[in-house]
Amino acid sequence: MAAATHLIAALAALQAIESGRQVAFMAPTELLARQHADTAARLLEPAGIRIAFLTGNLKASGRTKLLEELAAGGIEVVIGTHALFSKNVRYHNVRLVVIDEQQRFGVLQRAAILDKGRESDPDDRPPNLLMMSATPI
């Protein structure tokens, strides 16, 4: 993905975080999600932003702690795969959802991550959505 796209996503994430909210960043594969997590770490961690990586392959012991921190608001940006809208994942207050390669997710999958954000909002509002793709649609 182009550096400009990463920068746009990072700036949007910063705005959400500055307002005390969380960001969920979903990619269709673990490899792509890991690449995004590495880039986010380089761009955002120096500013003190807490980032986590969540996939279905995360072991139970690490997963439990991560999910507790996510629900409590201790994680500001979570990057991962379909695991981000798993039944047991709870957010503190998601204001931005970023979906990369959005065409690789079905309508119901995209709606599921937005529903997670809505459930986490005290006013039951859906989060803002940024969809990205390198594929011409």
C-alpha atoms as a PDB file:
ATOM      1  CA  MET A   1       0.000   0.000   0.000  1.00  0.00           C
ATOM      2  CA  ALA A   2       1.228   3.462  -0.757  1.00  0.00           C
ATOM      3  CA  ALA A   3       2.745   5.518   2.028  1.00  0.00           C
ATOM      4  CA  ALA A   4       0.157   8.250   1.436  1.00  0.00           C
ATOM      5  CA  THR A   5      -2.671   5.847   2.255  1.00  0.00           C
ATOM      6  CA  HIS A   6      -0.962   4.836   5.497  1.00  0.00           C
ATOM      7  CA  LEU A   7      -0.526   8.476   6.397  1.00  0.00           C
ATOM      8  CA  ILE A   8      -4.205   9.251   5.765  1.00  0.00           C
ATOM      9  CA  ALA A   9      -5.271   6.313   7.939  1.00  0.00           C
ATOM     10  CA  ALA A  10      -2.810   7.367  10.672  1.00  0.00           C
ATOM     11  CA  LEU A  11      -4.088  10.967  10.650  1.00  0.00           C
ATOM     12  CA  ALA A  12      -7.694   9.802  10.844  1.00  0.00           C
ATOM     13  CA  ALA A  13      -6.734   7.486  13.714  1.00  0.00           C
ATOM     14  CA  LEU A  14      -5.029  10.343  15.548  1.00  0.00           C
ATOM     15  CA  GLN A  15      -8.168  12.448  15.349  1.00  0.00           C
ATOM     16  CA  ALA A  16     -10.273   9.622  16.837  1.00  0.00           C
ATOM     17  CA  ILE A  17      -7.700   8.956  19.568  1.00  0.00           C
ATOM     18  CA  GLU A  18      -7.431  12.643  20.487  1.00  0.00           C
ATOM     19  CA  SER A  19     -11.159  12.598  21.198  1.00  0.00           C
ATOM     20  CA  GLY A  20     -10.659   9.667  23.600  1.00  0.00           C
ATOM     21  CA  ARG A  21     -11.889   6.966  21.243  1.00  0.00           C
ATOM     22  CA  GLN A  22     -10.526   3.736  19.806  1.00  0.00           C
ATOM     23  CA  VAL A  23      -9.690   2.679  16.257  1.00  0.00           C
ATOM     24  CA  ALA A  24     -10.246  -0.772  14.732  1.00  0.00           C
ATOM     25  CA  PHE A  25      -8.228  -1.520  11.578  1.00  0.00           C
ATOM     26  CA  MET A  26      -9.225  -4.681   9.704  1.00  0.00           C
ATOM     27  CA  ALA A  27      -7.355  -6.450   6.901  1.00  0.00           C
ATOM     28  CA  PRO A  28      -8.355  -9.676   5.114  1.00  0.00           C
ATOM     29  CA  THR A  29      -5.178 -11.669   5.833  1.00  0.00           C
ATOM     30  CA  GLU A  30      -2.879 -12.051   8.799  1.00  0.00           C
ATOM     31  CA  LEU A  31       0.131 -11.068   6.680  1.00  0.00           C
ATOM     32  CA  LEU A  32      -1.466  -7.808   5.539  1.00  0.00           C
ATOM     33  CA  ALA A  33      -2.718  -7.053   9.048  1.00  0.00           C
ATOM     34  CA  ARG A  34       0.817  -7.604  10.400  1.00  0.00           C
ATOM     35  CA  GLN A  35       2.218  -5.195   7.800  1.00  0.00           C
ATOM     36  CA  HIS A  36      -0.310  -2.569   8.872  1.00  0.00           C
ATOM     37  CA  ALA A  37       0.507  -3.172  12.540  1.00  0.00           C
ATOM     38  CA  ASP A  38       4.223  -2.701  11.855  1.00  0.00           C
ATOM     39  CA  THR A  39       3.567   0.538   9.986  1.00  0.00           C
ATOM     40  CA  ALA A  40       1.210   1.799  12.690  1.00  0.00           C
ATOM     41  CA  ALA A  41       3.817   1.003  15.324  1.00  0.00           C
ATOM     42  CA  ARG A  42       6.401   3.100  13.480  1.00  0.00           C
ATOM     43  CA  LEU A  43       3.984   6.004  12.980  1.00  0.00           C
ATOM     44  CA  LEU A  44       1.947   6.026  16.193  1.00  0.00           C
ATOM     45  CA  GLU A  45       3.824   4.345  19.048  1.00  0.00           C
ATOM     46  CA  PRO A  46       6.430   7.161  19.262  1.00  0.00           C
ATOM     47  CA  ALA A  47       3.477   9.427  20.166  1.00  0.00           C
ATOM     48  CA  GLY A  48       2.578   7.092  23.054  1.00  0.00           C
ATOM     49  CA  ILE A  49      -0.369   5.451  21.304  1.00  0.00           C
ATOM     50  CA  ARG A  50      -1.061   1.883  22.436  1.00  0.00           C
ATOM     51  CA  ILE A  51      -1.464  -0.565  19.552  1.00  0.00           C
ATOM     52  CA  ALA A  52      -2.485  -4.232  19.599  1.00  0.00           C
ATOM     53  CA  PHE A  53      -2.551  -6.991  16.976  1.00  0.00           C
ATOM     54  CA  LEU A  54      -5.498  -9.421  17.035  1.00  0.00           C
ATOM     55  CA  THR A  55      -6.003 -12.459  14.817  1.00  0.00           C
ATOM     56  CA  GLY A  56      -7.618 -15.830  15.249  1.00  0.00           C
ATOM     57  CA  ASN A  57      -4.173 -17.362  15.750  1.00  0.00           C
ATOM     58  CA  LEU A  58      -3.458 -15.445  18.965  1.00  0.00           C
ATOM     59  CA  LYS A  59      -2.988 -17.934  21.828  1.00  0.00           C
ATOM     60  CA  ALA A  60      -5.619 -17.998  24.569  1.00  0.00           C
ATOM     61  CA  SER A  61      -3.414 -16.537  27.325  1.00  0.00           C
ATOM     62  CA  GLY A  62      -2.379 -13.493  25.309  1.00  0.00           C
ATOM     63  CA  ARG A  63      -5.821 -13.153  23.774  1.00  0.00           C
ATOM     64  CA  THR A  64      -7.590 -12.946  27.134  1.00  0.00           C
ATOM     65  CA  LYS A  65      -5.341 -10.128  28.366  1.00  0.00           C
ATOM     66  CA  LEU A  66      -5.630  -8.257  25.055  1.00  0.00           C
ATOM     67  CA  LEU A  67      -9.438  -8.512  25.062  1.00  0.00           C
ATOM     68  CA  GLU A  68      -9.613  -7.247  28.648  1.00  0.00           C
ATOM     69  CA  GLU A  69      -7.422  -4.241  27.794  1.00  0.00           C
ATOM     70  CA  LEU A  70      -9.436  -3.547  24.649  1.00  0.00           C
ATOM     71  CA  ALA A  71     -12.755  -3.568  26.530  1.00  0.00           C
ATOM     72  CA  ALA A  72     -11.311  -1.342  29.257  1.00  0.00           C
ATOM     73  CA  GLY A  73      -9.964   1.197  26.752  1.00  0.00           C
ATOM     74  CA  GLY A  74      -6.297   0.440  27.421  1.00  0.00           C
ATOM     75  CA  ILE A  75      -5.700  -0.162  23.729  1.00  0.00           C
ATOM     76  CA  GLU A  76      -6.250   2.769  21.405  1.00  0.00           C
ATOM     77  CA  VAL A  77      -5.667   1.051  18.047  1.00  0.00           C
ATOM     78  CA  VAL A  78      -6.364  -2.598  17.373  1.00  0.00           C
ATOM     79  CA  ILE A  79      -5.269  -4.041  14.049  1.00  0.00           C
ATOM     80  CA  GLY A  80      -6.268  -7.475  12.886  1.00  0.00           C
ATOM     81  CA  THR A  81      -8.321  -9.756  10.731  1.00  0.00           C
ATOM     82  CA  HIS A  82     -11.877 -11.097  10.956  1.00  0.00           C
ATOM     83  CA  ALA A  83     -11.129 -11.687  14.650  1.00  0.00           C
ATOM     84  CA  LEU A  84     -11.959  -8.003  15.242  1.00  0.00           C
ATOM     85  CA  PHE A  85     -15.672  -8.745  15.012  1.00  0.00           C
ATOM     86  CA  SER A  86     -15.627 -12.092  16.833  1.00  0.00           C
ATOM     87  CA  LYS A  87     -18.393 -12.670  19.326  1.00  0.00           C
ATOM     88  CA  ASN A  88     -16.163 -12.304  22.402  1.00  0.00           C
ATOM     89  CA  VAL A  89     -14.482  -9.057  21.269  1.00  0.00           C
ATOM     90  CA  ARG A  90     -15.718  -5.970  23.108  1.00  0.00           C
ATOM     91  CA  TYR A  91     -14.531  -2.435  22.536  1.00  0.00           C
ATOM     92  CA  HIS A  92     -14.487   0.508  24.908  1.00  0.00           C
ATOM     93  CA  ASN A  93     -15.541   3.191  22.425  1.00  0.00           C
ATOM     94  CA  VAL A  94     -14.676   2.767  18.745  1.00  0.00           C
ATOM     95  CA  ARG A  95     -14.941   5.974  16.714  1.00  0.00           C
ATOM     96  CA  LEU A  96     -13.125   4.877  13.559  1.00  0.00           C
ATOM     97  CA  VAL A  97     -13.100   1.622  11.625  1.00  0.00           C
ATOM     98  CA  VAL A  98     -10.551   1.265   8.832  1.00  0.00           C
ATOM     99  CA  ILE A  99     -11.024  -1.615   6.399  1.00  0.00           C
ATOM    100  CA  ASP A 100      -8.259  -2.398   3.946  1.00  0.00           C
ATOM    101  CA  GLU A 101      -9.026  -4.378   0.803  1.00  0.00           C
ATOM    102  CA  GLN A 102     -12.674  -3.826   1.645  1.00  0.00           C
ATOM    103  CA  GLN A 103     -13.824  -5.703  -1.443  1.00  0.00           C
ATOM    104  CA  ARG A 104     -12.490  -8.908   0.163  1.00  0.00           C
ATOM    105  CA  PHE A 105     -15.034  -8.633   2.971  1.00  0.00           C
ATOM    106  CA  GLY A 106     -18.706  -9.324   2.502  1.00  0.00           C
ATOM    107  CA  VAL A 107     -21.427  -6.826   3.307  1.00  0.00           C
ATOM    108  CA  LEU A 108     -22.309  -8.717   6.498  1.00  0.00           C
ATOM    109  CA  GLN A 109     -18.673  -8.785   7.636  1.00  0.00           C
ATOM    110  CA  ARG A 110     -18.292  -5.044   7.129  1.00  0.00           C
ATOM    111  CA  ALA A 111     -21.572  -4.518   8.968  1.00  0.00           C
ATOM    112  CA  ALA A 112     -20.409  -6.754  11.840  1.00  0.00           C
ATOM    113  CA  ILE A 113     -17.366  -4.602  12.614  1.00  0.00           C
ATOM    114  CA  LEU A 114     -19.501  -1.441  12.420  1.00  0.00           C
ATOM    115  CA  ASP A 115     -22.041  -3.045  14.779  1.00  0.00           C
ATOM    116  CA  LYS A 116     -19.225  -3.720  17.260  1.00  0.00           C
ATOM    117  CA  GLY A 117     -18.412  -0.033  17.125  1.00  0.00           C
ATOM    118  CA  ARG A 118     -22.044   0.978  17.570  1.00  0.00           C
ATOM    119  CA  GLU A 119     -22.350  -1.342  20.601  1.00  0.00           C
ATOM    120  CA  SER A 120     -19.331   0.357  22.169  1.00  0.00           C
ATOM    121  CA  ASP A 121     -20.669   3.895  21.749  1.00  0.00           C
ATOM    122  CA  PRO A 122     -22.622   5.312  24.712  1.00  0.00           C
ATOM    123  CA  ASP A 123     -25.008   7.021  22.266  1.00  0.00           C
ATOM    124  CA  ASP A 124     -25.352   3.918  20.042  1.00  0.00           C
ATOM    125  CA  ARG A 125     -23.833   5.738  17.038  1.00  0.00           C
ATOM    126  CA  PRO A 126     -21.966   3.873  14.312  1.00  0.00           C
ATOM    127  CA  PRO A 127     -18.253   4.636  13.994  1.00  0.00           C
ATOM    128  CA  ASN A 128     -16.785   6.530  11.077  1.00  0.00           C
ATOM    129  CA  LEU A 129     -15.619   4.242   8.303  1.00  0.00           C
ATOM    130  CA  LEU A 130     -12.546   4.524   6.082  1.00  0.00           C
ATOM    131  CA  MET A 131     -12.397   1.874   3.358  1.00  0.00           C
ATOM    132  CA  MET A 132      -9.169   1.395   1.441  1.00  0.00           C
ATOM    133  CA  SER A 133      -8.195  -0.675  -1.549  1.00  0.00           C
ATOM    134  CA  ALA A 134      -5.353  -0.872  -4.009  1.00  0.00           C
ATOM    135  CA  THR A 135      -7.668  -2.705  -6.388  1.00  0.00           C
ATOM    136  CA  PRO A 136      -9.596  -0.553  -8.868  1.00  0.00           C
ATOM    137  CA  ILE A 137     -13.281  -1.098  -8.189  1.00  0.00           C
END
